[in-house]
N, C-alpha and C. Protein backbone atom coordinates (compact mmCIF):
# COMPACT_ATOMS: atom_id res chain seq x y z
N MET A 1 167.04 108.89 1.60
CA MET A 1 167.09 110.08 2.41
C MET A 1 165.70 110.44 2.92
N LEU A 2 164.69 110.24 2.06
CA LEU A 2 163.33 110.54 2.50
C LEU A 2 162.90 109.62 3.65
N LYS A 3 163.29 108.35 3.57
CA LYS A 3 162.96 107.40 4.64
C LYS A 3 163.65 107.83 5.93
N GLN A 4 164.89 108.30 5.83
CA GLN A 4 165.62 108.76 7.00
C GLN A 4 164.95 109.98 7.62
N ARG A 5 164.45 110.88 6.77
CA ARG A 5 163.75 112.07 7.27
C ARG A 5 162.58 111.66 8.15
N VAL A 6 161.75 110.76 7.63
CA VAL A 6 160.56 110.32 8.36
C VAL A 6 160.96 109.57 9.63
N ALA A 7 161.95 108.71 9.54
CA ALA A 7 162.36 107.90 10.70
C ALA A 7 162.93 108.75 11.83
N ARG A 8 163.53 109.87 11.50
CA ARG A 8 164.21 110.70 12.51
C ARG A 8 163.35 111.85 13.04
N LEU A 9 162.14 112.03 12.50
CA LEU A 9 161.27 113.10 12.99
C LEU A 9 161.01 112.93 14.47
N PRO A 10 160.92 113.96 15.27
CA PRO A 10 160.83 115.38 14.91
C PRO A 10 162.19 116.07 14.83
N LYS A 11 163.27 115.29 14.80
CA LYS A 11 164.60 115.89 14.73
C LYS A 11 165.10 115.95 13.29
N GLU A 12 166.13 116.76 13.07
CA GLU A 12 166.79 116.82 11.78
C GLU A 12 167.72 115.61 11.65
N THR A 13 168.10 115.34 10.43
CA THR A 13 169.10 114.32 10.13
C THR A 13 169.83 114.76 8.87
N GLY A 14 170.87 114.03 8.49
CA GLY A 14 171.60 114.42 7.29
C GLY A 14 172.84 113.60 7.06
N GLY A 15 173.65 114.07 6.12
CA GLY A 15 174.89 113.38 5.77
C GLY A 15 175.59 114.07 4.62
N PHE A 16 176.61 113.42 4.12
CA PHE A 16 177.35 113.92 2.97
C PHE A 16 176.76 113.37 1.67
N LEU A 17 177.02 114.07 0.59
CA LEU A 17 176.68 113.61 -0.76
C LEU A 17 177.99 113.26 -1.46
N LEU A 18 178.07 112.06 -1.99
CA LEU A 18 179.25 111.60 -2.71
C LEU A 18 178.90 111.45 -4.18
N GLY A 19 179.80 111.87 -5.03
CA GLY A 19 179.50 111.78 -6.45
C GLY A 19 180.71 112.09 -7.32
N ARG A 20 180.43 112.21 -8.59
CA ARG A 20 181.50 112.51 -9.56
C ARG A 20 181.15 113.77 -10.31
N ARG A 21 182.19 114.45 -10.74
CA ARG A 21 182.03 115.65 -11.55
C ARG A 21 182.26 115.26 -13.00
N ARG A 22 181.34 115.70 -13.84
CA ARG A 22 181.45 115.44 -15.27
C ARG A 22 181.36 116.80 -15.95
N GLY A 23 182.52 117.43 -16.14
CA GLY A 23 182.53 118.80 -16.65
C GLY A 23 181.88 119.69 -15.61
N SER A 24 180.87 120.44 -16.02
CA SER A 24 180.17 121.31 -15.08
C SER A 24 179.01 120.60 -14.39
N HIS A 25 178.81 119.34 -14.68
CA HIS A 25 177.73 118.56 -14.08
C HIS A 25 178.23 117.81 -12.86
N ILE A 26 177.32 117.58 -11.92
CA ILE A 26 177.63 116.80 -10.73
C ILE A 26 176.63 115.66 -10.67
N GLU A 27 177.13 114.43 -10.56
CA GLU A 27 176.28 113.25 -10.44
C GLU A 27 176.43 112.69 -9.03
N ILE A 28 175.36 112.68 -8.28
CA ILE A 28 175.38 112.15 -6.92
C ILE A 28 175.10 110.66 -6.99
N VAL A 29 175.98 109.86 -6.40
CA VAL A 29 175.83 108.42 -6.46
C VAL A 29 175.59 107.78 -5.10
N GLU A 30 175.84 108.54 -4.01
CA GLU A 30 175.67 107.97 -2.68
C GLU A 30 175.50 109.09 -1.66
N ALA A 31 174.81 108.77 -0.59
CA ALA A 31 174.67 109.71 0.53
C ALA A 31 174.98 108.97 1.82
N THR A 32 175.75 109.60 2.70
CA THR A 32 175.95 109.01 4.02
C THR A 32 174.73 109.33 4.87
N LEU A 33 174.51 108.52 5.88
CA LEU A 33 173.36 108.69 6.76
C LEU A 33 173.82 109.02 8.18
N GLN A 34 172.91 109.53 8.97
CA GLN A 34 173.22 109.88 10.35
C GLN A 34 173.87 108.71 11.07
N ALA A 35 174.92 109.01 11.81
CA ALA A 35 175.65 107.99 12.56
C ALA A 35 175.56 108.27 14.06
N LYS A 36 176.04 107.35 14.85
CA LYS A 36 175.85 107.36 16.30
C LYS A 36 176.30 108.65 16.98
N MET A 37 177.44 109.20 16.61
CA MET A 37 177.99 110.36 17.31
C MET A 37 177.46 111.71 16.77
N ASP A 38 176.71 111.70 15.69
CA ASP A 38 176.14 112.94 15.16
C ASP A 38 175.18 113.55 16.17
N ARG A 39 175.02 114.87 16.10
CA ARG A 39 174.10 115.56 17.00
C ARG A 39 172.91 116.08 16.21
N ALA A 40 171.73 115.76 16.70
CA ALA A 40 170.51 116.19 16.02
C ALA A 40 169.51 116.76 17.02
N SER A 41 168.86 117.84 16.61
CA SER A 41 167.78 118.42 17.41
C SER A 41 166.66 118.77 16.45
N GLU A 42 165.64 119.43 16.94
CA GLU A 42 164.53 119.83 16.08
C GLU A 42 164.91 120.97 15.15
N THR A 43 166.04 121.64 15.42
CA THR A 43 166.42 122.80 14.61
C THR A 43 167.84 122.74 14.05
N SER A 44 168.55 121.63 14.29
CA SER A 44 169.91 121.55 13.75
C SER A 44 170.38 120.11 13.62
N PHE A 45 171.41 119.95 12.78
CA PHE A 45 172.05 118.65 12.62
C PHE A 45 173.54 118.90 12.44
N GLU A 46 174.36 118.19 13.21
CA GLU A 46 175.81 118.32 13.10
C GLU A 46 176.41 116.96 12.78
N ARG A 47 177.11 116.90 11.63
CA ARG A 47 177.82 115.69 11.23
C ARG A 47 179.17 115.69 11.94
N ILE A 48 179.24 115.03 13.08
CA ILE A 48 180.51 114.99 13.79
C ILE A 48 181.06 113.57 13.90
N ASP A 49 180.25 112.58 13.57
CA ASP A 49 180.73 111.20 13.58
C ASP A 49 181.72 111.01 12.44
N LEU A 50 182.82 110.34 12.71
CA LEU A 50 183.85 110.12 11.69
C LEU A 50 183.40 109.19 10.57
N HIS A 51 182.26 108.52 10.74
CA HIS A 51 181.73 107.64 9.70
C HIS A 51 181.63 108.37 8.37
N HIS A 52 181.16 109.61 8.37
CA HIS A 52 180.98 110.36 7.13
C HIS A 52 182.31 110.54 6.40
N ARG A 53 183.31 110.97 7.15
CA ARG A 53 184.63 111.19 6.55
C ARG A 53 185.24 109.87 6.07
N HIS A 54 185.14 108.84 6.90
CA HIS A 54 185.72 107.55 6.53
C HIS A 54 185.05 106.98 5.28
N ARG A 55 183.73 107.13 5.19
CA ARG A 55 183.03 106.62 4.00
C ARG A 55 183.46 107.39 2.76
N ALA A 56 183.56 108.71 2.87
CA ALA A 56 183.99 109.54 1.73
C ALA A 56 185.40 109.14 1.28
N GLU A 57 186.29 108.91 2.24
CA GLU A 57 187.66 108.51 1.90
C GLU A 57 187.69 107.12 1.26
N ALA A 58 186.87 106.20 1.77
CA ALA A 58 186.84 104.84 1.22
C ALA A 58 186.32 104.84 -0.22
N VAL A 59 185.28 105.63 -0.47
CA VAL A 59 184.73 105.71 -1.82
C VAL A 59 185.74 106.36 -2.76
N TRP A 60 186.42 107.40 -2.29
CA TRP A 60 187.45 108.08 -3.09
C TRP A 60 188.54 107.08 -3.50
N GLN A 61 189.00 106.31 -2.52
CA GLN A 61 190.08 105.35 -2.80
C GLN A 61 189.62 104.23 -3.72
N SER A 62 188.44 103.66 -3.45
CA SER A 62 187.98 102.53 -4.27
C SER A 62 187.62 102.95 -5.70
N SER A 63 187.29 104.23 -5.89
CA SER A 63 186.97 104.71 -7.24
C SER A 63 188.19 105.33 -7.93
N GLU A 64 189.34 105.20 -7.29
CA GLU A 64 190.59 105.78 -7.81
C GLU A 64 190.45 107.28 -8.05
N GLY A 65 189.78 107.94 -7.12
CA GLY A 65 189.65 109.40 -7.17
C GLY A 65 188.56 109.93 -8.07
N ARG A 66 187.74 109.06 -8.62
CA ARG A 66 186.67 109.53 -9.52
C ARG A 66 185.42 109.96 -8.77
N ILE A 67 185.20 109.42 -7.56
CA ILE A 67 184.02 109.77 -6.76
C ILE A 67 184.50 110.36 -5.45
N GLY A 68 183.95 111.51 -5.10
CA GLY A 68 184.35 112.18 -3.87
C GLY A 68 183.21 112.99 -3.28
N LEU A 69 183.55 113.79 -2.31
CA LEU A 69 182.58 114.63 -1.63
C LEU A 69 182.14 115.76 -2.57
N VAL A 70 180.81 115.85 -2.80
CA VAL A 70 180.28 116.89 -3.67
C VAL A 70 179.23 117.76 -2.98
N GLY A 71 178.88 117.43 -1.74
CA GLY A 71 177.89 118.25 -1.06
C GLY A 71 177.39 117.62 0.21
N ASP A 72 176.29 118.17 0.71
CA ASP A 72 175.66 117.61 1.90
C ASP A 72 174.15 117.70 1.80
N TRP A 73 173.50 116.96 2.66
CA TRP A 73 172.05 116.97 2.71
C TRP A 73 171.63 116.97 4.17
N HIS A 74 170.48 117.53 4.42
CA HIS A 74 169.89 117.46 5.75
C HIS A 74 168.39 117.73 5.65
N THR A 75 167.72 117.59 6.76
CA THR A 75 166.27 117.76 6.77
C THR A 75 165.88 118.97 7.61
N HIS A 76 164.71 119.47 7.33
CA HIS A 76 164.03 120.45 8.17
C HIS A 76 162.70 119.82 8.55
N PRO A 77 162.50 119.47 9.81
CA PRO A 77 161.27 118.79 10.22
C PRO A 77 160.00 119.60 9.97
N CYS A 78 160.11 120.91 10.04
CA CYS A 78 158.95 121.78 9.85
C CYS A 78 159.27 122.85 8.81
N GLY A 79 158.26 123.22 8.07
CA GLY A 79 158.41 124.33 7.14
C GLY A 79 158.99 123.93 5.80
N PRO A 80 159.20 124.93 4.95
CA PRO A 80 159.69 124.68 3.59
C PRO A 80 161.20 124.44 3.56
N PRO A 81 161.71 123.96 2.43
CA PRO A 81 163.14 123.69 2.29
C PRO A 81 163.93 124.96 1.96
N VAL A 82 163.96 125.87 2.91
CA VAL A 82 164.66 127.14 2.73
C VAL A 82 165.93 127.12 3.57
N PRO A 83 167.10 127.40 2.97
CA PRO A 83 168.33 127.34 3.75
C PRO A 83 168.41 128.45 4.79
N SER A 84 168.86 128.07 5.98
CA SER A 84 169.07 129.02 7.07
C SER A 84 170.44 129.67 6.90
N ALA A 85 170.72 130.65 7.72
CA ALA A 85 172.04 131.28 7.72
C ALA A 85 173.11 130.23 8.05
N ALA A 86 172.79 129.31 8.96
CA ALA A 86 173.73 128.25 9.31
C ALA A 86 173.97 127.31 8.12
N ASP A 87 172.92 127.01 7.36
CA ASP A 87 173.07 126.17 6.17
C ASP A 87 174.00 126.83 5.16
N ARG A 88 173.77 128.11 4.90
CA ARG A 88 174.59 128.84 3.92
C ARG A 88 176.04 128.94 4.38
N SER A 89 176.24 129.12 5.67
CA SER A 89 177.60 129.18 6.21
C SER A 89 178.30 127.83 6.05
N ALA A 90 177.58 126.75 6.32
CA ALA A 90 178.15 125.40 6.17
C ALA A 90 178.50 125.13 4.71
N TRP A 91 177.63 125.55 3.79
CA TRP A 91 177.91 125.34 2.36
C TRP A 91 179.12 126.15 1.92
N ARG A 92 179.25 127.34 2.45
CA ARG A 92 180.40 128.18 2.10
C ARG A 92 181.69 127.49 2.55
N GLN A 93 181.70 126.93 3.76
CA GLN A 93 182.87 126.21 4.26
C GLN A 93 183.14 124.96 3.43
N LEU A 94 182.07 124.26 3.03
CA LEU A 94 182.22 123.06 2.22
C LEU A 94 182.84 123.39 0.86
N VAL A 95 182.37 124.45 0.23
CA VAL A 95 182.90 124.88 -1.06
C VAL A 95 184.39 125.18 -0.93
N SER A 96 184.77 125.85 0.14
CA SER A 96 186.17 126.17 0.38
C SER A 96 186.98 124.90 0.58
N SER A 97 186.43 123.95 1.30
CA SER A 97 187.12 122.70 1.61
C SER A 97 187.34 121.84 0.37
N ILE A 98 186.31 121.69 -0.47
CA ILE A 98 186.43 120.81 -1.64
C ILE A 98 186.92 121.56 -2.87
N GLN A 99 187.04 122.87 -2.77
CA GLN A 99 187.53 123.72 -3.85
C GLN A 99 186.77 123.49 -5.16
N GLY A 100 185.46 123.46 -5.05
CA GLY A 100 184.60 123.30 -6.21
C GLY A 100 183.17 123.58 -5.82
N ASP A 101 182.29 123.64 -6.84
CA ASP A 101 180.87 123.82 -6.55
C ASP A 101 180.40 122.67 -5.66
N ALA A 102 179.44 122.97 -4.79
CA ALA A 102 178.88 121.95 -3.91
C ALA A 102 177.37 121.94 -4.04
N VAL A 103 176.78 120.79 -3.80
CA VAL A 103 175.33 120.63 -3.83
C VAL A 103 174.83 120.55 -2.39
N GLY A 104 173.75 121.27 -2.11
CA GLY A 104 173.09 121.18 -0.82
C GLY A 104 171.64 120.77 -1.03
N ILE A 105 171.21 119.74 -0.34
CA ILE A 105 169.83 119.28 -0.46
C ILE A 105 169.18 119.41 0.92
N ILE A 106 168.00 120.03 0.94
CA ILE A 106 167.22 120.13 2.16
C ILE A 106 165.90 119.42 1.91
N LEU A 107 165.61 118.40 2.72
CA LEU A 107 164.35 117.69 2.62
C LEU A 107 163.43 118.25 3.70
N ALA A 108 162.26 118.73 3.29
CA ALA A 108 161.34 119.38 4.23
C ALA A 108 159.90 119.07 3.85
N GLU A 109 158.97 119.65 4.61
CA GLU A 109 157.54 119.43 4.37
C GLU A 109 157.14 119.80 2.94
N GLY A 110 157.69 120.87 2.42
CA GLY A 110 157.32 121.35 1.10
C GLY A 110 158.02 120.64 -0.03
N GLY A 111 158.66 119.51 0.25
CA GLY A 111 159.40 118.78 -0.78
C GLY A 111 160.88 119.10 -0.67
N PRO A 112 161.68 118.59 -1.61
CA PRO A 112 163.12 118.83 -1.54
C PRO A 112 163.48 120.21 -2.07
N GLY A 113 164.50 120.77 -1.47
CA GLY A 113 165.13 121.97 -2.00
C GLY A 113 166.54 121.58 -2.40
N VAL A 114 166.89 121.85 -3.65
CA VAL A 114 168.21 121.50 -4.15
C VAL A 114 168.92 122.80 -4.51
N PHE A 115 170.14 122.95 -4.00
CA PHE A 115 170.88 124.19 -4.17
C PHE A 115 172.30 123.89 -4.65
N VAL A 116 172.84 124.81 -5.44
CA VAL A 116 174.24 124.73 -5.84
C VAL A 116 174.96 125.90 -5.20
N ALA A 117 175.97 125.59 -4.41
CA ALA A 117 176.82 126.61 -3.80
C ALA A 117 178.05 126.74 -4.70
N PRO A 118 178.20 127.87 -5.36
CA PRO A 118 179.30 128.00 -6.33
C PRO A 118 180.66 128.16 -5.67
N ARG A 119 181.67 127.64 -6.35
CA ARG A 119 183.05 127.76 -5.87
C ARG A 119 183.39 129.22 -5.63
N ARG A 120 182.98 130.06 -6.52
CA ARG A 120 183.20 131.50 -6.37
C ARG A 120 181.99 132.09 -5.69
N TRP A 121 181.99 131.98 -4.38
CA TRP A 121 180.87 132.42 -3.56
C TRP A 121 180.65 133.91 -3.78
N SER A 122 179.41 134.28 -3.96
CA SER A 122 179.08 135.70 -4.18
C SER A 122 178.11 136.16 -3.10
N VAL A 123 177.70 137.39 -3.21
CA VAL A 123 176.72 137.95 -2.28
C VAL A 123 175.43 137.13 -2.35
N LEU A 124 175.11 136.62 -3.53
CA LEU A 124 173.89 135.85 -3.71
C LEU A 124 173.98 134.45 -3.08
N GLY A 125 175.19 133.95 -2.92
CA GLY A 125 175.37 132.64 -2.31
C GLY A 125 174.84 131.51 -3.17
N ALA A 126 174.23 130.53 -2.53
CA ALA A 126 173.75 129.33 -3.21
C ALA A 126 172.54 129.65 -4.09
N ARG A 127 172.46 128.96 -5.23
CA ARG A 127 171.35 129.12 -6.17
C ARG A 127 170.45 127.89 -6.08
N GLN A 128 169.14 128.13 -6.03
CA GLN A 128 168.21 127.01 -6.00
C GLN A 128 168.06 126.43 -7.40
N CYS A 129 167.93 125.11 -7.46
CA CYS A 129 167.75 124.40 -8.72
C CYS A 129 166.31 123.96 -8.86
N SER A 130 165.92 123.69 -10.08
CA SER A 130 164.57 123.22 -10.38
C SER A 130 164.65 121.83 -10.99
N LEU A 131 163.64 121.01 -10.71
CA LEU A 131 163.56 119.69 -11.31
C LEU A 131 163.31 119.87 -12.80
N VAL A 132 164.17 119.27 -13.61
CA VAL A 132 164.06 119.38 -15.05
C VAL A 132 163.48 118.11 -15.66
N GLU A 133 163.90 116.96 -15.12
CA GLU A 133 163.48 115.69 -15.73
C GLU A 133 163.58 114.56 -14.72
N GLU A 134 162.65 113.63 -14.81
CA GLU A 134 162.72 112.37 -14.06
C GLU A 134 162.85 111.27 -15.09
N CYS A 135 163.88 110.45 -14.95
CA CYS A 135 164.03 109.32 -15.86
C CYS A 135 164.48 108.11 -15.06
N GLU A 136 163.61 107.10 -15.02
CA GLU A 136 163.81 105.89 -14.23
C GLU A 136 164.12 106.28 -12.79
N GLU A 137 165.32 105.97 -12.30
CA GLU A 137 165.66 106.25 -10.91
C GLU A 137 166.38 107.59 -10.74
N ASP A 138 166.62 108.30 -11.82
CA ASP A 138 167.39 109.54 -11.77
C ASP A 138 166.50 110.76 -11.78
N LEU A 139 166.95 111.79 -11.09
CA LEU A 139 166.32 113.11 -11.14
C LEU A 139 167.34 114.08 -11.70
N VAL A 140 166.93 114.93 -12.61
CA VAL A 140 167.83 115.90 -13.20
C VAL A 140 167.36 117.28 -12.78
N PHE A 141 168.27 118.04 -12.18
CA PHE A 141 167.97 119.39 -11.73
C PHE A 141 168.81 120.37 -12.52
N GLY A 142 168.25 121.55 -12.77
CA GLY A 142 168.98 122.61 -13.45
C GLY A 142 169.32 123.70 -12.46
N GLY A 143 170.44 124.37 -12.71
CA GLY A 143 170.91 125.44 -11.83
C GLY A 143 169.93 126.60 -11.76
N GLY A 144 170.09 127.43 -10.73
CA GLY A 144 169.23 128.58 -10.50
C GLY A 144 169.09 129.44 -11.73
N GLY A 145 167.87 129.73 -12.10
CA GLY A 145 167.62 130.54 -13.27
C GLY A 145 167.77 129.78 -14.57
N CYS A 146 168.00 128.47 -14.47
CA CYS A 146 168.20 127.65 -15.66
C CYS A 146 166.88 127.43 -16.38
N ASN A 147 166.89 127.58 -17.66
CA ASN A 147 165.74 127.29 -18.50
C ASN A 147 165.73 125.79 -18.75
N PRO A 148 164.70 125.06 -18.32
CA PRO A 148 164.68 123.60 -18.48
C PRO A 148 164.91 123.15 -19.91
N ARG A 149 164.54 123.96 -20.91
CA ARG A 149 164.76 123.57 -22.29
C ARG A 149 166.24 123.58 -22.65
N ARG A 150 167.07 124.24 -21.81
CA ARG A 150 168.50 124.29 -22.04
C ARG A 150 169.23 123.38 -21.07
N ALA A 151 168.55 122.43 -20.47
CA ALA A 151 169.12 121.62 -19.40
C ALA A 151 170.36 120.86 -19.81
N GLY A 152 170.50 120.53 -21.08
CA GLY A 152 171.68 119.80 -21.53
C GLY A 152 172.92 120.67 -21.55
N LYS A 153 172.76 121.95 -21.36
CA LYS A 153 173.90 122.86 -21.37
C LYS A 153 174.55 122.92 -20.00
N ARG A 154 175.42 123.83 -19.82
CA ARG A 154 176.32 123.96 -18.69
C ARG A 154 175.65 123.93 -17.32
N GLU A 155 174.44 124.42 -17.16
CA GLU A 155 173.88 124.59 -15.84
C GLU A 155 173.21 123.35 -15.25
N ALA A 156 173.11 122.29 -16.00
CA ALA A 156 172.39 121.11 -15.48
C ALA A 156 173.23 120.35 -14.47
N ALA A 157 172.57 119.79 -13.50
CA ALA A 157 173.22 118.91 -12.52
C ALA A 157 172.40 117.63 -12.44
N PHE A 158 173.06 116.49 -12.31
CA PHE A 158 172.39 115.21 -12.31
C PHE A 158 172.50 114.56 -10.96
N PHE A 159 171.42 113.96 -10.50
CA PHE A 159 171.41 113.30 -9.21
C PHE A 159 170.82 111.91 -9.37
N ALA A 160 171.54 110.91 -8.91
CA ALA A 160 171.03 109.54 -9.00
C ALA A 160 170.35 109.17 -7.69
C-alpha cells in the first residue's frame, strides 16, 4: 500500500481490506489496489471499478466464507492521516453494509492512521488505533484508548 501511495502521487489511491474476524480481533490478509475505472484526484478516491467487489467475492468463496471485506484503505497526498467527513461517512456506510466493525487505514505524510469504525456507530464515530507491536511482517494495533499492556485483550486488532 505504501508503494501504491508513492506511485500514485499527487493523487489519492486506495482499495478494500480483506481479512478474517477472530472474536473481537480483525486480521487483514489482503488489500485490493486501484483499478482502471476508479476515480482519483488530489483530494478524493472513489472505488468504482468492479475489480474490488469481484476480488472480495472470490476470496470469500475460496476461503469458504472465512475471509471477507473488513474495511478500506486510501491515501492522503498531503497532510496528516486525519479522516475527513467524507471518510467517516464512507466508513459508516461500510459498517452498515458488512454489519460489523470495520477498519479504515489512511496513509499520509505523517505515517499511517489506523481507525476502527464500530458496528454501533456513535457520536464519536471511528476510534484511532495505536501501534502496539511489530513482529516479523505483522503489525499489531490496539483500539482507541487501548492500553498497549492490555493488547491481548478485547481491543486489539491484528494486521498482516
